[in-house]
Amino acid sequence: MHEITLILGCTGVGKSEFGLALAEALGAEILCLDSMQIYRRMNIGTAKPTVEEQRRIPHHLLDLIEPWETYSVARFVDHAEAAIRDIAARGRRVVAVGGTSLYIKALTEGLFEGPGADAEIRARLKEEARRIGKEALHARLRRVDPVAAERIHVNDLRRVVRALEVHELTGAPISSLQTQWDRQRTRHAFRFIGLRRIREDQNRRTNERVRQMIQAGLVEEVRGLLSLPHPLSRTARRALGYAEILEYLAGRGSLDEAVENIKINTRQFAKSQRTWFKRFRGVQWIDLAPGAEVAGEVGRVVQEIRITNCE
């Protein structure tokens, strides 16, 4: 078991800058907990750490696979654990930086896998969704597992089907099984630091971030991905920034419309992140003022960590 400082927050809040400064102050290396930064060739739209930043501080879990390959959360945990062991073996601290909630949960709590898939049940449930509608299937889930129904959006048919499948196979709500699993898991000693900004400042930063990505060549990067010898995976195609530019390049809308859609979808994603982050316990939240530098906050966190380690 290792001590890990984990920086979480919505996309564009300033996690990378904060994590880089904290890692430098602690003599640490960085784990990138981002489900899209694992792809090679997808740099601008994922706000991947620059070459210069990676020279300053070693970063792990970047560029693991090609954008046409598939990847699982279980593989991510394996990669993360290997990186943690490697960093610790060299006597370095670990700072994890992330906004992908599922990756954070899997690393810190483990991931409930549940019973194996039942092809017959899944096929029947998907056919029912086609015949009577996703809303009716979600309503059924709400009756048997209101906690899971609250977490799973009505349009997320894959997760709705999985939750109903687990209930049919076990007779228990998937939410209760997940809770039992979480309580049994003990992983590393995590110190959670959360960064947040008021909504107006977050939106302003989002707009500026999208502008910089377009200026840096996001459209050209996506064109390059389309020229690869294999088509992009379904997950890679759905990445924020890439999905909207792909629509533009396919002739469905103007570039201005694509840029506006990136901004809107990023704000919606940040909202879902805020909801997810509420489930993590013991987070030390830091409210960043508009235009504030992170250096002062990093200094306070470093001091707290050193005091804790001396106690």
Foldseek 3Di string as FASTA:
>chain_A
DAEEEEEEAAPLLCQVVLLLLLCLVQVAAEEELEPQQLEPLQDLLRVHDDPVSCVSHPYFNGPNYHQADDDDLVVVLVRVVVVCVVRVVVVHYYYYYYLPLVNVCCNAQNDDPADDDDVVLLVVLVVCCVVVNLVVLLVVLCVQPVVVSVLDDSPPSVSSSVQVRRCVVPVHGPVVVRVVSRVPDHHYNYQAEYEDEPPVLSLVSLLVSLVVSVVVPLLVSLVVQVPDPDHGHPVNCPRQPNVLSVCVVVVNDHPVVSSVVSSVVSSVSSVSSVVSVVPDPNYHYDYDYRPDDCNVVSVVVVVVVVVVVVD
